[in-house]
Amino acid sequence: MELYSLLREFADSWVLLFLTLFFLGVCVWAWRPGSRKTHEDIANSIFRHDQKPAAPAPQTEEA
């Protein structure tokens, strides 16, 4: 059996199964009940310093 045929057969069966299980595992992990607080914290992270204005940009000297 050629190496290409062997790798092709392996990729068509076991790698496809592994990637499908990996995808389903990531979906379950992302939507697990305990992750709501983490997702809300990440979504609101851009508003953490909304009360304080940004620091002024540094002045550069032009030659």
PDB file of N, CA and C in Angstrom:
ATOM      1  N   MET A   1       0.845  -1.180   0.000  1.00  0.00           N
ATOM      2  CA  MET A   1       0.000   0.000   0.000  1.00  0.00           C
ATOM      3  C   MET A   1       0.891   1.245   0.000  1.00  0.00           C
ATOM      4  N   GLU A   2       0.560   2.168  -0.829  1.00  0.00           N
ATOM      5  CA  GLU A   2       1.327   3.403  -0.910  1.00  0.00           C
ATOM      6  C   GLU A   2       1.114   4.248   0.344  1.00  0.00           C
ATOM      7  N   LEU A   3       2.082   5.068   0.629  1.00  0.00           N
ATOM      8  CA  LEU A   3       1.970   5.960   1.786  1.00  0.00           C
ATOM      9  C   LEU A   3       0.828   6.946   1.604  1.00  0.00           C
ATOM     10  N   TYR A   4       0.656   7.476   0.415  1.00  0.00           N
ATOM     11  CA  TYR A   4      -0.425   8.420   0.155  1.00  0.00           C
ATOM     12  C   TYR A   4      -1.786   7.781   0.408  1.00  0.00           C
ATOM     13  N   SER A   5      -1.981   6.583  -0.072  1.00  0.00           N
ATOM     14  CA  SER A   5      -3.260   5.889   0.118  1.00  0.00           C
ATOM     15  C   SER A   5      -3.518   5.616   1.590  1.00  0.00           C
ATOM     16  N   LEU A   6      -2.475   5.228   2.295  1.00  0.00           N
ATOM     17  CA  LEU A   6      -2.614   4.962   3.723  1.00  0.00           C
ATOM     18  C   LEU A   6      -2.985   6.237   4.481  1.00  0.00           C
ATOM     19  N   LEU A   7      -2.299   7.333   4.200  1.00  0.00           N
ATOM     20  CA  LEU A   7      -2.607   8.592   4.870  1.00  0.00           C
ATOM     21  C   LEU A   7      -3.981   9.109   4.479  1.00  0.00           C
ATOM     22  N   ARG A   8      -4.370   8.920   3.237  1.00  0.00           N
ATOM     23  CA  ARG A   8      -5.692   9.358   2.779  1.00  0.00           C
ATOM     24  C   ARG A   8      -6.795   8.582   3.491  1.00  0.00           C
ATOM     25  N   GLU A   9      -6.608   7.293   3.622  1.00  0.00           N
ATOM     26  CA  GLU A   9      -7.599   6.471   4.321  1.00  0.00           C
ATOM     27  C   GLU A   9      -7.681   6.852   5.794  1.00  0.00           C
ATOM     28  N   PHE A  10      -6.543   7.100   6.414  1.00  0.00           N
ATOM     29  CA  PHE A  10      -6.500   7.520   7.816  1.00  0.00           C
ATOM     30  C   PHE A  10      -7.205   8.862   7.994  1.00  0.00           C
ATOM     31  N   ALA A  11      -6.946   9.809   7.089  1.00  0.00           N
ATOM     32  CA  ALA A  11      -7.561  11.133   7.188  1.00  0.00           C
ATOM     33  C   ALA A  11      -9.062  11.055   6.954  1.00  0.00           C
ATOM     34  N   ASP A  12      -9.503  10.193   6.073  1.00  0.00           N
ATOM     35  CA  ASP A  12     -10.930  10.071   5.772  1.00  0.00           C
ATOM     36  C   ASP A  12     -11.712   9.473   6.928  1.00  0.00           C
ATOM     37  N   SER A  13     -11.077   8.713   7.778  1.00  0.00           N
ATOM     38  CA  SER A  13     -11.829   8.044   8.828  1.00  0.00           C
ATOM     39  C   SER A  13     -11.516   8.609  10.212  1.00  0.00           C
ATOM     40  N   TRP A  14     -10.341   8.367  10.730  1.00  0.00           N
ATOM     41  CA  TRP A  14     -10.027   8.700  12.115  1.00  0.00           C
ATOM     42  C   TRP A  14      -9.834  10.192  12.346  1.00  0.00           C
ATOM     43  N   VAL A  15      -9.218  10.876  11.429  1.00  0.00           N
ATOM     44  CA  VAL A  15      -9.006  12.310  11.608  1.00  0.00           C
ATOM     45  C   VAL A  15     -10.337  13.047  11.530  1.00  0.00           C
ATOM     46  N   LEU A  16     -11.214  12.616  10.635  1.00  0.00           N
ATOM     47  CA  LEU A  16     -12.540  13.214  10.549  1.00  0.00           C
ATOM     48  C   LEU A  16     -13.312  12.993  11.845  1.00  0.00           C
ATOM     49  N   LEU A  17     -13.236  11.812  12.400  1.00  0.00           N
ATOM     50  CA  LEU A  17     -13.892  11.522  13.676  1.00  0.00           C
ATOM     51  C   LEU A  17     -13.309  12.378  14.788  1.00  0.00           C
ATOM     52  N   PHE A  18     -11.987  12.486  14.853  1.00  0.00           N
ATOM     53  CA  PHE A  18     -11.332  13.298  15.883  1.00  0.00           C
ATOM     54  C   PHE A  18     -11.739  14.760  15.768  1.00  0.00           C
ATOM     55  N   LEU A  19     -11.720  15.321  14.565  1.00  0.00           N
ATOM     56  CA  LEU A  19     -12.074  16.732  14.390  1.00  0.00           C
ATOM     57  C   LEU A  19     -13.545  16.996  14.707  1.00  0.00           C
ATOM     58  N   THR A  20     -14.408  16.045  14.391  1.00  0.00           N
ATOM     59  CA  THR A  20     -15.820  16.190  14.734  1.00  0.00           C
ATOM     60  C   THR A  20     -16.005  16.193  16.247  1.00  0.00           C
ATOM     61  N   LEU A  21     -15.352  15.279  16.944  1.00  0.00           N
ATOM     62  CA  LEU A  21     -15.439  15.233  18.403  1.00  0.00           C
ATOM     63  C   LEU A  21     -14.816  16.471  19.031  1.00  0.00           C
ATOM     64  N   PHE A  22     -13.732  16.956  18.467  1.00  0.00           N
ATOM     65  CA  PHE A  22     -13.100  18.179  18.972  1.00  0.00           C
ATOM     66  C   PHE A  22     -14.037  19.367  18.819  1.00  0.00           C
ATOM     67  N   PHE A  23     -14.682  19.497  17.671  1.00  0.00           N
ATOM     68  CA  PHE A  23     -15.631  20.581  17.426  1.00  0.00           C
ATOM     69  C   PHE A  23     -16.797  20.517  18.413  1.00  0.00           C
ATOM     70  N   LEU A  24     -17.348  19.349  18.608  1.00  0.00           N
ATOM     71  CA  LEU A  24     -18.457  19.200  19.552  1.00  0.00           C
ATOM     72  C   LEU A  24     -18.006  19.512  20.979  1.00  0.00           C
ATOM     73  N   GLY A  25     -16.788  19.122  21.322  1.00  0.00           N
ATOM     74  CA  GLY A  25     -16.254  19.436  22.652  1.00  0.00           C
ATOM     75  C   GLY A  25     -16.094  20.929  22.863  1.00  0.00           C
ATOM     76  N   VAL A  26     -15.619  21.640  21.856  1.00  0.00           N
ATOM     77  CA  VAL A  26     -15.475  23.095  21.957  1.00  0.00           C
ATOM     78  C   VAL A  26     -16.844  23.754  22.101  1.00  0.00           C
ATOM     79  N   CYS A  27     -17.826  23.278  21.354  1.00  0.00           N
ATOM     80  CA  CYS A  27     -19.187  23.835  21.463  1.00  0.00           C
ATOM     81  C   CYS A  27     -19.766  23.605  22.846  1.00  0.00           C
ATOM     82  N   VAL A  28     -19.616  22.417  23.381  1.00  0.00           N
ATOM     83  CA  VAL A  28     -20.117  22.123  24.732  1.00  0.00           C
ATOM     84  C   VAL A  28     -19.392  22.978  25.759  1.00  0.00           C
ATOM     85  N   TRP A  29     -18.084  23.130  25.613  1.00  0.00           N
ATOM     86  CA  TRP A  29     -17.315  23.935  26.567  1.00  0.00           C
ATOM     87  C   TRP A  29     -17.726  25.407  26.512  1.00  0.00           C
ATOM     88  N   ALA A  30     -17.982  25.926  25.324  1.00  0.00           N
ATOM     89  CA  ALA A  30     -18.344  27.339  25.189  1.00  0.00           C
ATOM     90  C   ALA A  30     -19.726  27.622  25.749  1.00  0.00           C
ATOM     91  N   TRP A  31     -20.652  26.688  25.610  1.00  0.00           N
ATOM     92  CA  TRP A  31     -22.026  26.922  26.074  1.00  0.00           C
ATOM     93  C   TRP A  31     -22.343  26.193  27.371  1.00  0.00           C
ATOM     94  N   ARG A  32     -21.335  25.852  28.158  1.00  0.00           N
ATOM     95  CA  ARG A  32     -21.604  25.196  29.434  1.00  0.00           C
ATOM     96  C   ARG A  32     -22.254  26.204  30.388  1.00  0.00           C
ATOM     97  N   PRO A  33     -23.022  25.737  31.341  1.00  0.00           N
ATOM     98  CA  PRO A  33     -23.760  26.655  32.218  1.00  0.00           C
ATOM     99  C   PRO A  33     -22.876  27.607  33.011  1.00  0.00           C
ATOM    100  N   GLY A  34     -21.693  27.228  33.401  1.00  0.00           N
ATOM    101  CA  GLY A  34     -20.843  28.072  34.230  1.00  0.00           C
ATOM    102  C   GLY A  34     -20.067  29.135  33.485  1.00  0.00           C
ATOM    103  N   SER A  35     -20.206  29.218  32.172  1.00  0.00           N
ATOM    104  CA  SER A  35     -19.385  30.154  31.410  1.00  0.00           C
ATOM    105  C   SER A  35     -20.058  31.500  31.173  1.00  0.00           C
ATOM    106  N   ARG A  36     -21.285  31.696  31.636  1.00  0.00           N
ATOM    107  CA  ARG A  36     -22.007  32.947  31.384  1.00  0.00           C
ATOM    108  C   ARG A  36     -21.250  34.138  31.957  1.00  0.00           C
ATOM    109  N   LYS A  37     -20.756  34.032  33.193  1.00  0.00           N
ATOM    110  CA  LYS A  37     -20.045  35.149  33.814  1.00  0.00           C
ATOM    111  C   LYS A  37     -18.775  35.489  33.041  1.00  0.00           C
ATOM    112  N   THR A  38     -18.061  34.491  32.610  1.00  0.00           N
ATOM    113  CA  THR A  38     -16.842  34.714  31.841  1.00  0.00           C
ATOM    114  C   THR A  38     -17.148  35.432  30.526  1.00  0.00           C
ATOM    115  N   HIS A  39     -18.174  34.984  29.822  1.00  0.00           N
ATOM    116  CA  HIS A  39     -18.529  35.605  28.544  1.00  0.00           C
ATOM    117  C   HIS A  39     -19.017  37.040  28.737  1.00  0.00           C
ATOM    118  N   GLU A  40     -19.779  37.294  29.791  1.00  0.00           N
ATOM    119  CA  GLU A  40     -20.239  38.660  30.052  1.00  0.00           C
ATOM    120  C   GLU A  40     -19.063  39.568  30.409  1.00  0.00           C
ATOM    121  N   ASP A  41     -18.110  39.047  31.172  1.00  0.00           N
ATOM    122  CA  ASP A  41     -16.924  39.830  31.532  1.00  0.00           C
ATOM    123  C   ASP A  41     -16.105  40.175  30.288  1.00  0.00           C
ATOM    124  N   ILE A  42     -15.937  39.238  29.415  1.00  0.00           N
ATOM    125  CA  ILE A  42     -15.188  39.483  28.180  1.00  0.00           C
ATOM    126  C   ILE A  42     -15.925  40.483  27.293  1.00  0.00           C
ATOM    127  N   ALA A  43     -17.244  40.341  27.188  1.00  0.00           N
ATOM    128  CA  ALA A  43     -18.023  41.233  26.335  1.00  0.00           C
ATOM    129  C   ALA A  43     -18.000  42.669  26.847  1.00  0.00           C
ATOM    130  N   ASN A  44     -17.940  42.858  28.165  1.00  0.00           N
ATOM    131  CA  ASN A  44     -17.970  44.200  28.750  1.00  0.00           C
ATOM    132  C   ASN A  44     -16.587  44.760  29.043  1.00  0.00           C
ATOM    133  N   SER A  45     -15.533  44.068  28.664  1.00  0.00           N
ATOM    134  CA  SER A  45     -14.178  44.512  28.991  1.00  0.00           C
ATOM    135  C   SER A  45     -13.809  45.837  28.324  1.00  0.00           C
ATOM    136  N   ILE A  46     -14.405  46.148  27.186  1.00  0.00           N
ATOM    137  CA  ILE A  46     -14.064  47.399  26.515  1.00  0.00           C
ATOM    138  C   ILE A  46     -14.656  48.607  27.236  1.00  0.00           C
ATOM    139  N   PHE A  47     -15.606  48.381  28.136  1.00  0.00           N
ATOM    140  CA  PHE A  47     -16.238  49.478  28.859  1.00  0.00           C
ATOM    141  C   PHE A  47     -15.692  49.651  30.274  1.00  0.00           C
ATOM    142  N   ARG A  48     -14.660  48.926  30.658  1.00  0.00           N
ATOM    143  CA  ARG A  48     -14.148  48.969  32.031  1.00  0.00           C
ATOM    144  C   ARG A  48     -13.671  50.360  32.437  1.00  0.00           C
ATOM    145  N   HIS A  49     -12.998  51.071  31.568  1.00  0.00           N
ATOM    146  CA  HIS A  49     -12.426  52.373  31.895  1.00  0.00           C
ATOM    147  C   HIS A  49     -13.206  53.484  31.200  1.00  0.00           C
ATOM    148  N   ASP A  50     -14.506  53.305  31.088  1.00  0.00           N
ATOM    149  CA  ASP A  50     -15.338  54.264  30.379  1.00  0.00           C
ATOM    150  C   ASP A  50     -15.507  55.566  31.166  1.00  0.00           C
ATOM    151  N   GLN A  51     -15.388  55.528  32.489  1.00  0.00           N
ATOM    152  CA  GLN A  51     -15.574  56.719  33.313  1.00  0.00           C
ATOM    153  C   GLN A  51     -14.364  57.641  33.277  1.00  0.00           C
ATOM    154  N   LYS A  52     -13.209  57.106  33.004  1.00  0.00           N
ATOM    155  CA  LYS A  52     -11.976  57.885  33.009  1.00  0.00           C
ATOM    156  C   LYS A  52     -11.560  58.170  31.565  1.00  0.00           C
ATOM    157  N   PRO A  53     -11.266  59.434  31.226  1.00  0.00           N
ATOM    158  CA  PRO A  53     -10.854  59.719  29.845  1.00  0.00           C
ATOM    159  C   PRO A  53      -9.491  59.109  29.531  1.00  0.00           C
ATOM    160  N   ALA A  54      -9.262  58.900  28.290  1.00  0.00           N
ATOM    161  CA  ALA A  54      -7.994  58.341  27.849  1.00  0.00           C
ATOM    162  C   ALA A  54      -6.880  59.347  28.066  1.00  0.00           C
ATOM    163  N   ALA A  55      -5.680  58.843  28.261  1.00  0.00           N
ATOM    164  CA  ALA A  55      -4.519  59.713  28.437  1.00  0.00           C
ATOM    165  C   ALA A  55      -4.235  60.448  27.133  1.00  0.00           C
ATOM    166  N   PRO A  56      -3.742  61.681  27.217  1.00  0.00           N
ATOM    167  CA  PRO A  56      -3.446  62.411  25.976  1.00  0.00           C
ATOM    168  C   PRO A  56      -2.328  61.723  25.192  1.00  0.00           C
ATOM    169  N   ALA A  57      -2.405  61.874  23.898  1.00  0.00           N
ATOM    170  CA  ALA A  57      -1.391  61.297  23.025  1.00  0.00           C
ATOM    171  C   ALA A  57      -0.077  62.031  23.209  1.00  0.00           C
ATOM    172  N   PRO A  58       1.035  61.313  23.192  1.00  0.00           N
ATOM    173  CA  PRO A  58       2.332  61.979  23.349  1.00  0.00           C
ATOM    174  C   PRO A  58       2.615  62.897  22.164  1.00  0.00           C
ATOM    175  N   GLN A  59       3.228  64.045  22.449  1.00  0.00           N
ATOM    176  CA  GLN A  59       3.578  65.008  21.408  1.00  0.00           C
ATOM    177  C   GLN A  59       4.885  64.593  20.743  1.00  0.00           C
ATOM    178  N   THR A  60       4.902  64.663  19.446  1.00  0.00           N
ATOM    179  CA  THR A  60       6.131  64.341  18.715  1.00  0.00           C
ATOM    180  C   THR A  60       6.668  65.615  18.072  1.00  0.00           C
ATOM    181  N   GLU A  61       7.970  65.706  18.043  1.00  0.00           N
ATOM    182  CA  GLU A  61       8.596  66.875  17.430  1.00  0.00           C
ATOM    183  C   GLU A  61       8.769  66.614  15.945  1.00  0.00           C
ATOM    184  N   GLU A  62       8.403  67.605  15.159  1.00  0.00           N
ATOM    185  CA  GLU A  62       8.583  67.479  13.729  1.00  0.00           C
ATOM    186  C   GLU A  62       9.883  68.175  13.333  1.00  0.00           C
ATOM    187  N   ALA A  63      10.639  67.551  12.474  1.00  0.00           N
ATOM    188  CA  ALA A  63      11.920  68.136  12.068  1.00  0.00           C
ATOM    189  C   ALA A  63      11.778  69.060  10.903  1.00  0.00           C
TER     190      ALA A  63
END
